[in-house]
Amino acid sequence: MNKDLESTMKFEGISEDKISVSDALNYVNEALLEKGYNPINQIIGYILSGDSSYVTSYKNARSIIKKFERDELLEEILTYYLNRK
């Protein structure tokens, strides 16, 4: 028997406890893209309504974005936009 099949493998995903707002937004963006959604529309819908169903649960994206207050997400987005000019 193959020795690799006898041992348990551990998957190390994204560490939700230590993720920054910026990293969370990037992660959610990628998850939404992979599922075929328009990330801008979906994230705006979530920020405006607070309804987490705008964000896919794929790759735990919904749980990750809900770790932050919506005003924190908006602050990160505005700070990035205003500082890039």
PDB file of N, CA and C in Angstrom:
ATOM      1  N   MET A   1       0.846  -1.185   0.000  1.00  0.00           N
ATOM      2  CA  MET A   1       0.000   0.000   0.000  1.00  0.00           C
ATOM      3  C   MET A   1       0.888   1.243   0.000  1.00  0.00           C
ATOM      4  N   ASN A   2       0.445   2.271  -0.675  1.00  0.00           N
ATOM      5  CA  ASN A   2       1.183   3.523  -0.761  1.00  0.00           C
ATOM      6  C   ASN A   2       1.221   4.194   0.603  1.00  0.00           C
ATOM      7  N   LYS A   3       2.418   4.496   1.076  1.00  0.00           N
ATOM      8  CA  LYS A   3       2.586   5.093   2.401  1.00  0.00           C
ATOM      9  C   LYS A   3       1.907   6.462   2.495  1.00  0.00           C
ATOM     10  N   ASP A   4       1.879   7.230   1.397  1.00  0.00           N
ATOM     11  CA  ASP A   4       1.245   8.546   1.390  1.00  0.00           C
ATOM     12  C   ASP A   4      -0.247   8.465   1.679  1.00  0.00           C
ATOM     13  N   LEU A   5      -0.868   7.351   1.304  1.00  0.00           N
ATOM     14  CA  LEU A   5      -2.302   7.200   1.508  1.00  0.00           C
ATOM     15  C   LEU A   5      -2.642   6.774   2.933  1.00  0.00           C
ATOM     16  N   GLU A   6      -1.638   6.373   3.696  1.00  0.00           N
ATOM     17  CA  GLU A   6      -1.863   5.930   5.062  1.00  0.00           C
ATOM     18  C   GLU A   6      -1.825   7.067   6.070  1.00  0.00           C
ATOM     19  N   SER A   7      -1.217   8.174   5.727  1.00  0.00           N
ATOM     20  CA  SER A   7      -1.099   9.279   6.673  1.00  0.00           C
ATOM     21  C   SER A   7      -2.157  10.344   6.386  1.00  0.00           C
ATOM     22  N   THR A   8      -2.492  11.073   7.411  1.00  0.00           N
ATOM     23  CA  THR A   8      -3.467  12.154   7.289  1.00  0.00           C
ATOM     24  C   THR A   8      -2.757  13.420   6.838  1.00  0.00           C
ATOM     25  N   MET A   9      -3.300  14.048   5.828  1.00  0.00           N
ATOM     26  CA  MET A   9      -2.741  15.305   5.329  1.00  0.00           C
ATOM     27  C   MET A   9      -3.519  16.451   5.954  1.00  0.00           C
ATOM     28  N   LYS A  10      -2.831  17.524   6.258  1.00  0.00           N
ATOM     29  CA  LYS A  10      -3.483  18.704   6.830  1.00  0.00           C
ATOM     30  C   LYS A  10      -3.416  19.829   5.814  1.00  0.00           C
ATOM     31  N   PHE A  11      -4.573  20.415   5.531  1.00  0.00           N
ATOM     32  CA  PHE A  11      -4.646  21.543   4.611  1.00  0.00           C
ATOM     33  C   PHE A  11      -4.554  22.828   5.406  1.00  0.00           C
ATOM     34  N   GLU A  12      -3.605  23.665   5.053  1.00  0.00           N
ATOM     35  CA  GLU A  12      -3.447  24.963   5.707  1.00  0.00           C
ATOM     36  C   GLU A  12      -4.070  26.030   4.825  1.00  0.00           C
ATOM     37  N   GLY A  13      -5.260  26.452   5.146  1.00  0.00           N
ATOM     38  CA  GLY A  13      -5.936  27.506   4.406  1.00  0.00           C
ATOM     39  C   GLY A  13      -5.530  28.862   4.937  1.00  0.00           C
ATOM     40  N   ILE A  14      -6.324  29.855   4.647  1.00  0.00           N
ATOM     41  CA  ILE A  14      -6.054  31.206   5.112  1.00  0.00           C
ATOM     42  C   ILE A  14      -6.333  31.289   6.611  1.00  0.00           C
ATOM     43  N   SER A  15      -5.472  31.957   7.340  1.00  0.00           N
ATOM     44  CA  SER A  15      -5.661  32.105   8.784  1.00  0.00           C
ATOM     45  C   SER A  15      -6.633  33.256   9.027  1.00  0.00           C
ATOM     46  N   GLU A  16      -7.845  32.902   9.401  1.00  0.00           N
ATOM     47  CA  GLU A  16      -8.891  33.905   9.584  1.00  0.00           C
ATOM     48  C   GLU A  16      -8.639  34.808  10.777  1.00  0.00           C
ATOM     49  N   ASP A  17      -7.902  34.331  11.766  1.00  0.00           N
ATOM     50  CA  ASP A  17      -7.690  35.129  12.966  1.00  0.00           C
ATOM     51  C   ASP A  17      -6.732  36.286  12.737  1.00  0.00           C
ATOM     52  N   LYS A  18      -5.805  36.132  11.816  1.00  0.00           N
ATOM     53  CA  LYS A  18      -4.758  37.133  11.624  1.00  0.00           C
ATOM     54  C   LYS A  18      -4.862  37.862  10.293  1.00  0.00           C
ATOM     55  N   ILE A  19      -5.976  37.767   9.628  1.00  0.00           N
ATOM     56  CA  ILE A  19      -6.127  38.367   8.303  1.00  0.00           C
ATOM     57  C   ILE A  19      -6.444  39.865   8.431  1.00  0.00           C
ATOM     58  N   SER A  20      -5.840  40.656   7.559  1.00  0.00           N
ATOM     59  CA  SER A  20      -6.114  42.099   7.541  1.00  0.00           C
ATOM     60  C   SER A  20      -7.361  42.364   6.697  1.00  0.00           C
ATOM     61  N   VAL A  21      -7.893  43.561   6.817  1.00  0.00           N
ATOM     62  CA  VAL A  21      -9.059  43.944   6.022  1.00  0.00           C
ATOM     63  C   VAL A  21      -8.717  43.853   4.542  1.00  0.00           C
ATOM     64  N   SER A  22      -7.552  44.350   4.178  1.00  0.00           N
ATOM     65  CA  SER A  22      -7.116  44.333   2.783  1.00  0.00           C
ATOM     66  C   SER A  22      -7.015  42.901   2.252  1.00  0.00           C
ATOM     67  N   ASP A  23      -6.393  42.027   3.031  1.00  0.00           N
ATOM     68  CA  ASP A  23      -6.261  40.635   2.611  1.00  0.00           C
ATOM     69  C   ASP A  23      -7.622  39.953   2.514  1.00  0.00           C
ATOM     70  N   ALA A  24      -8.512  40.288   3.441  1.00  0.00           N
ATOM     71  CA  ALA A  24      -9.861  39.710   3.416  1.00  0.00           C
ATOM     72  C   ALA A  24     -10.593  40.128   2.149  1.00  0.00           C
ATOM     73  N   LEU A  25     -10.516  41.402   1.795  1.00  0.00           N
ATOM     74  CA  LEU A  25     -11.183  41.886   0.582  1.00  0.00           C
ATOM     75  C   LEU A  25     -10.606  41.212  -0.659  1.00  0.00           C
ATOM     76  N   ASN A  26      -9.295  41.065  -0.707  1.00  0.00           N
ATOM     77  CA  ASN A  26      -8.670  40.388  -1.846  1.00  0.00           C
ATOM     78  C   ASN A  26      -9.091  38.927  -1.923  1.00  0.00           C
ATOM     79  N   TYR A  27      -9.157  38.253  -0.786  1.00  0.00           N
ATOM     80  CA  TYR A  27      -9.551  36.852  -0.733  1.00  0.00           C
ATOM     81  C   TYR A  27     -10.997  36.677  -1.192  1.00  0.00           C
ATOM     82  N   VAL A  28     -11.882  37.533  -0.679  1.00  0.00           N
ATOM     83  CA  VAL A  28     -13.300  37.481  -1.057  1.00  0.00           C
ATOM     84  C   VAL A  28     -13.453  37.787  -2.543  1.00  0.00           C
ATOM     85  N   ASN A  29     -12.712  38.755  -3.036  1.00  0.00           N
ATOM     86  CA  ASN A  29     -12.737  39.096  -4.455  1.00  0.00           C
ATOM     87  C   ASN A  29     -12.417  37.869  -5.305  1.00  0.00           C
ATOM     88  N   GLU A  30     -11.342  37.163  -4.954  1.00  0.00           N
ATOM     89  CA  GLU A  30     -10.936  35.970  -5.704  1.00  0.00           C
ATOM     90  C   GLU A  30     -11.998  34.878  -5.637  1.00  0.00           C
ATOM     91  N   ALA A  31     -12.577  34.669  -4.466  1.00  0.00           N
ATOM     92  CA  ALA A  31     -13.610  33.640  -4.316  1.00  0.00           C
ATOM     93  C   ALA A  31     -14.831  33.980  -5.169  1.00  0.00           C
ATOM     94  N   LEU A  32     -15.227  35.239  -5.173  1.00  0.00           N
ATOM     95  CA  LEU A  32     -16.373  35.665  -5.988  1.00  0.00           C
ATOM     96  C   LEU A  32     -16.077  35.495  -7.473  1.00  0.00           C
ATOM     97  N   LEU A  33     -14.873  35.862  -7.898  1.00  0.00           N
ATOM     98  CA  LEU A  33     -14.485  35.679  -9.300  1.00  0.00           C
ATOM     99  C   LEU A  33     -14.519  34.209  -9.695  1.00  0.00           C
ATOM    100  N   GLU A  34     -13.978  33.357  -8.827  1.00  0.00           N
ATOM    101  CA  GLU A  34     -13.949  31.920  -9.127  1.00  0.00           C
ATOM    102  C   GLU A  34     -15.352  31.342  -9.273  1.00  0.00           C
ATOM    103  N   LYS A  35     -16.305  31.899  -8.559  1.00  0.00           N
ATOM    104  CA  LYS A  35     -17.684  31.412  -8.645  1.00  0.00           C
ATOM    105  C   LYS A  35     -18.477  32.102  -9.757  1.00  0.00           C
ATOM    106  N   GLY A  36     -17.851  33.063 -10.457  1.00  0.00           N
ATOM    107  CA  GLY A  36     -18.497  33.701 -11.596  1.00  0.00           C
ATOM    108  C   GLY A  36     -19.303  34.954 -11.270  1.00  0.00           C
ATOM    109  N   TYR A  37     -19.130  35.473 -10.075  1.00  0.00           N
ATOM    110  CA  TYR A  37     -19.851  36.685  -9.676  1.00  0.00           C
ATOM    111  C   TYR A  37     -19.040  37.930 -10.007  1.00  0.00           C
ATOM    112  N   ASN A  38     -19.713  39.078 -10.067  1.00  0.00           N
ATOM    113  CA  ASN A  38     -19.041  40.365 -10.196  1.00  0.00           C
ATOM    114  C   ASN A  38     -18.719  40.827  -8.771  1.00  0.00           C
ATOM    115  N   PRO A  39     -17.443  40.770  -8.375  1.00  0.00           N
ATOM    116  CA  PRO A  39     -17.082  41.077  -6.989  1.00  0.00           C
ATOM    117  C   PRO A  39     -17.466  42.492  -6.547  1.00  0.00           C
ATOM    118  N   ILE A  40     -17.341  43.449  -7.435  1.00  0.00           N
ATOM    119  CA  ILE A  40     -17.673  44.827  -7.062  1.00  0.00           C
ATOM    120  C   ILE A  40     -19.141  44.930  -6.690  1.00  0.00           C
ATOM    121  N   ASN A  41     -20.009  44.409  -7.540  1.00  0.00           N
ATOM    122  CA  ASN A  41     -21.447  44.463  -7.245  1.00  0.00           C
ATOM    123  C   ASN A  41     -21.788  43.712  -5.965  1.00  0.00           C
ATOM    124  N   GLN A  42     -21.195  42.553  -5.774  1.00  0.00           N
ATOM    125  CA  GLN A  42     -21.520  41.726  -4.613  1.00  0.00           C
ATOM    126  C   GLN A  42     -21.029  42.365  -3.315  1.00  0.00           C
ATOM    127  N   ILE A  43     -19.820  42.900  -3.318  1.00  0.00           N
ATOM    128  CA  ILE A  43     -19.283  43.524  -2.109  1.00  0.00           C
ATOM    129  C   ILE A  43     -20.039  44.808  -1.791  1.00  0.00           C
ATOM    130  N   ILE A  44     -20.381  45.593  -2.809  1.00  0.00           N
ATOM    131  CA  ILE A  44     -21.198  46.790  -2.582  1.00  0.00           C
ATOM    132  C   ILE A  44     -22.545  46.389  -1.974  1.00  0.00           C
ATOM    133  N   GLY A  45     -23.170  45.367  -2.513  1.00  0.00           N
ATOM    134  CA  GLY A  45     -24.445  44.897  -1.972  1.00  0.00           C
ATOM    135  C   GLY A  45     -24.323  44.528  -0.510  1.00  0.00           C
ATOM    136  N   TYR A  46     -23.245  43.849  -0.159  1.00  0.00           N
ATOM    137  CA  TYR A  46     -23.031  43.467   1.234  1.00  0.00           C
ATOM    138  C   TYR A  46     -22.814  44.693   2.113  1.00  0.00           C
ATOM    139  N   ILE A  47     -21.962  45.608   1.693  1.00  0.00           N
ATOM    140  CA  ILE A  47     -21.662  46.789   2.501  1.00  0.00           C
ATOM    141  C   ILE A  47     -22.916  47.639   2.712  1.00  0.00           C
ATOM    142  N   LEU A  48     -23.709  47.837   1.667  1.00  0.00           N
ATOM    143  CA  LEU A  48     -24.901  48.675   1.785  1.00  0.00           C
ATOM    144  C   LEU A  48     -26.016  48.028   2.598  1.00  0.00           C
ATOM    145  N   SER A  49     -26.199  46.742   2.446  1.00  0.00           N
ATOM    146  CA  SER A  49     -27.346  46.083   3.079  1.00  0.00           C
ATOM    147  C   SER A  49     -27.009  45.337   4.369  1.00  0.00           C
ATOM    148  N   GLY A  50     -25.779  44.879   4.491  1.00  0.00           N
ATOM    149  CA  GLY A  50     -25.418  44.047   5.624  1.00  0.00           C
ATOM    150  C   GLY A  50     -25.845  42.597   5.441  1.00  0.00           C
ATOM    151  N   ASP A  51     -26.434  42.287   4.302  1.00  0.00           N
ATOM    152  CA  ASP A  51     -26.901  40.935   4.008  1.00  0.00           C
ATOM    153  C   ASP A  51     -25.728  40.105   3.495  1.00  0.00           C
ATOM    154  N   SER A  52     -25.258  39.181   4.306  1.00  0.00           N
ATOM    155  CA  SER A  52     -24.066  38.415   3.951  1.00  0.00           C
ATOM    156  C   SER A  52     -24.289  37.448   2.793  1.00  0.00           C
ATOM    157  N   SER A  53     -25.540  37.253   2.385  1.00  0.00           N
ATOM    158  CA  SER A  53     -25.779  36.346   1.256  1.00  0.00           C
ATOM    159  C   SER A  53     -25.266  36.934  -0.068  1.00  0.00           C
ATOM    160  N   TYR A  54     -24.871  38.192  -0.068  1.00  0.00           N
ATOM    161  CA  TYR A  54     -24.229  38.766  -1.254  1.00  0.00           C
ATOM    162  C   TYR A  54     -22.847  38.159  -1.489  1.00  0.00           C
ATOM    163  N   VAL A  55     -22.268  37.559  -0.458  1.00  0.00           N
ATOM    164  CA  VAL A  55     -20.928  36.983  -0.548  1.00  0.00           C
ATOM    165  C   VAL A  55     -21.044  35.464  -0.500  1.00  0.00           C
ATOM    166  N   THR A  56     -20.396  34.820  -1.431  1.00  0.00           N
ATOM    167  CA  THR A  56     -20.419  33.361  -1.508  1.00  0.00           C
ATOM    168  C   THR A  56     -19.805  32.726  -0.260  1.00  0.00           C
ATOM    169  N   SER A  57     -20.302  31.567   0.083  1.00  0.00           N
ATOM    170  CA  SER A  57     -19.692  30.819   1.179  1.00  0.00           C
ATOM    171  C   SER A  57     -18.517  29.982   0.676  1.00  0.00           C
ATOM    172  N   TYR A  58     -18.315  29.961  -0.633  1.00  0.00           N
ATOM    173  CA  TYR A  58     -17.212  29.238  -1.257  1.00  0.00           C
ATOM    174  C   TYR A  58     -15.883  29.681  -0.642  1.00  0.00           C
ATOM    175  N   LYS A  59     -15.052  28.732  -0.283  1.00  0.00           N
ATOM    176  CA  LYS A  59     -13.746  28.983   0.341  1.00  0.00           C
ATOM    177  C   LYS A  59     -13.866  29.789   1.632  1.00  0.00           C
ATOM    178  N   ASN A  60     -15.030  29.728   2.271  1.00  0.00           N
ATOM    179  CA  ASN A  60     -15.276  30.399   3.539  1.00  0.00           C
ATOM    180  C   ASN A  60     -15.242  31.929   3.420  1.00  0.00           C
ATOM    181  N   ALA A  61     -15.469  32.453   2.214  1.00  0.00           N
ATOM    182  CA  ALA A  61     -15.383  33.897   1.970  1.00  0.00           C
ATOM    183  C   ALA A  61     -16.392  34.682   2.816  1.00  0.00           C
ATOM    184  N   ARG A  62     -17.596  34.157   2.965  1.00  0.00           N
ATOM    185  CA  ARG A  62     -18.626  34.858   3.742  1.00  0.00           C
ATOM    186  C   ARG A  62     -18.197  35.001   5.199  1.00  0.00           C
ATOM    187  N   SER A  63     -17.684  33.956   5.752  1.00  0.00           N
ATOM    188  CA  SER A  63     -17.222  33.981   7.146  1.00  0.00           C
ATOM    189  C   SER A  63     -16.068  34.971   7.323  1.00  0.00           C
ATOM    190  N   ILE A  64     -15.190  35.011   6.360  1.00  0.00           N
ATOM    191  CA  ILE A  64     -14.024  35.896   6.437  1.00  0.00           C
ATOM    192  C   ILE A  64     -14.442  37.357   6.380  1.00  0.00           C
ATOM    193  N   ILE A  65     -15.324  37.719   5.472  1.00  0.00           N
ATOM    194  CA  ILE A  65     -15.714  39.129   5.353  1.00  0.00           C
ATOM    195  C   ILE A  65     -16.537  39.579   6.565  1.00  0.00           C
ATOM    196  N   LYS A  66     -17.273  38.643   7.170  1.00  0.00           N
ATOM    197  CA  LYS A  66     -18.092  38.990   8.327  1.00  0.00           C
ATOM    198  C   LYS A  66     -17.264  39.225   9.591  1.00  0.00           C
ATOM    199  N   LYS A  67     -15.988  38.941   9.562  1.00  0.00           N
ATOM    200  CA  LYS A  67     -15.117  39.199  10.702  1.00  0.00           C
ATOM    201  C   LYS A  67     -14.883  40.699  10.894  1.00  0.00           C
ATOM    202  N   PHE A  68     -15.211  41.484   9.885  1.00  0.00           N
ATOM    203  CA  PHE A  68     -14.985  42.926   9.930  1.00  0.00           C
ATOM    204  C   PHE A  68     -16.311  43.663   9.867  1.00  0.00           C
ATOM    205  N   GLU A  69     -16.360  44.803  10.527  1.00  0.00           N
ATOM    206  CA  GLU A  69     -17.536  45.673  10.425  1.00  0.00           C
ATOM    207  C   GLU A  69     -17.565  46.264   9.021  1.00  0.00           C
ATOM    208  N   ARG A  70     -18.764  46.545   8.542  1.00  0.00           N
ATOM    209  CA  ARG A  70     -18.887  47.085   7.180  1.00  0.00           C
ATOM    210  C   ARG A  70     -18.188  48.429   7.050  1.00  0.00           C
ATOM    211  N   ASP A  71     -18.182  49.235   8.112  1.00  0.00           N
ATOM    212  CA  ASP A  71     -17.485  50.525   8.028  1.00  0.00           C
ATOM    213  C   ASP A  71     -15.964  50.330   7.920  1.00  0.00           C
ATOM    214  N   GLU A  72     -15.433  49.245   8.486  1.00  0.00           N
ATOM    215  CA  GLU A  72     -14.007  48.940   8.333  1.00  0.00           C
ATOM    216  C   GLU A  72     -13.682  48.610   6.883  1.00  0.00           C
ATOM    217  N   LEU A  73     -14.568  47.870   6.236  1.00  0.00           N
ATOM    218  CA  LEU A  73     -14.367  47.531   4.828  1.00  0.00           C
ATOM    219  C   LEU A  73     -14.389  48.795   3.972  1.00  0.00           C
ATOM    220  N   LEU A  74     -15.371  49.641   4.225  1.00  0.00           N
ATOM    221  CA  LEU A  74     -15.491  50.885   3.465  1.00  0.00           C
ATOM    222  C   LEU A  74     -14.288  51.793   3.699  1.00  0.00           C
ATOM    223  N   GLU A  75     -13.823  51.861   4.941  1.00  0.00           N
ATOM    224  CA  GLU A  75     -12.652  52.677   5.253  1.00  0.00           C
ATOM    225  C   GLU A  75     -11.421  52.179   4.491  1.00  0.00           C
ATOM    226  N   GLU A  76     -11.238  50.870   4.438  1.00  0.00           N
ATOM    227  CA  GLU A  76     -10.100  50.295   3.713  1.00  0.00           C
ATOM    228  C   GLU A  76     -10.170  50.632   2.223  1.00  0.00           C
ATOM    229  N   ILE A  77     -11.348  50.504   1.655  1.00  0.00           N
ATOM    230  CA  ILE A  77     -11.542  50.785   0.231  1.00  0.00           C
ATOM    231  C   ILE A  77     -11.274  52.255  -0.075  1.00  0.00           C
ATOM    232  N   LEU A  78     -11.842  53.152   0.729  1.00  0.00           N
ATOM    233  CA  LEU A  78     -11.646  54.589   0.506  1.00  0.00           C
ATOM    234  C   LEU A  78     -10.198  55.001   0.731  1.00  0.00           C
ATOM    235  N   THR A  79      -9.577  54.470   1.761  1.00  0.00           N
ATOM    236  CA  THR A  79      -8.174  54.793   2.039  1.00  0.00           C
ATOM    237  C   THR A  79      -7.291  54.376   0.869  1.00  0.00           C
ATOM    238  N   TYR A  80      -7.521  53.174   0.367  1.00  0.00           N
ATOM    239  CA  TYR A  80      -6.743  52.701  -0.778  1.00  0.00           C
ATOM    240  C   TYR A  80      -6.953  53.619  -1.982  1.00  0.00           C
ATOM    241  N   TYR A  81      -8.204  53.937  -2.274  1.00  0.00           N
ATOM    242  CA  TYR A  81      -8.513  54.769  -3.436  1.00  0.00           C
ATOM    243  C   TYR A  81      -7.916  56.162  -3.300  1.00  0.00           C
ATOM    244  N   LEU A  82      -8.098  56.795  -2.156  1.00  0.00           N
ATOM    245  CA  LEU A  82      -7.627  58.171  -1.984  1.00  0.00           C
ATOM    246  C   LEU A  82      -6.097  58.264  -1.907  1.00  0.00           C
ATOM    247  N   ASN A  83      -5.439  57.233  -1.430  1.00  0.00           N
ATOM    248  CA  ASN A  83      -3.984  57.263  -1.319  1.00  0.00           C
ATOM    249  C   ASN A  83      -3.252  56.869  -2.594  1.00  0.00           C
ATOM    250  N   ARG A  84      -3.955  56.375  -3.563  1.00  0.00           N
ATOM    251  CA  ARG A  84      -3.292  55.959  -4.798  1.00  0.00           C
ATOM    252  C   ARG A  84      -3.088  57.107  -5.771  1.00  0.00           C
ATOM    253  N   LYS A  85      -3.643  58.241  -5.501  1.00  0.00           N
ATOM    254  CA  LYS A  85      -3.511  59.386  -6.414  1.00  0.00           C
ATOM    255  C   LYS A  85      -2.310  60.229  -6.098  1.00  0.00           C
TER     256      LYS A  85
END
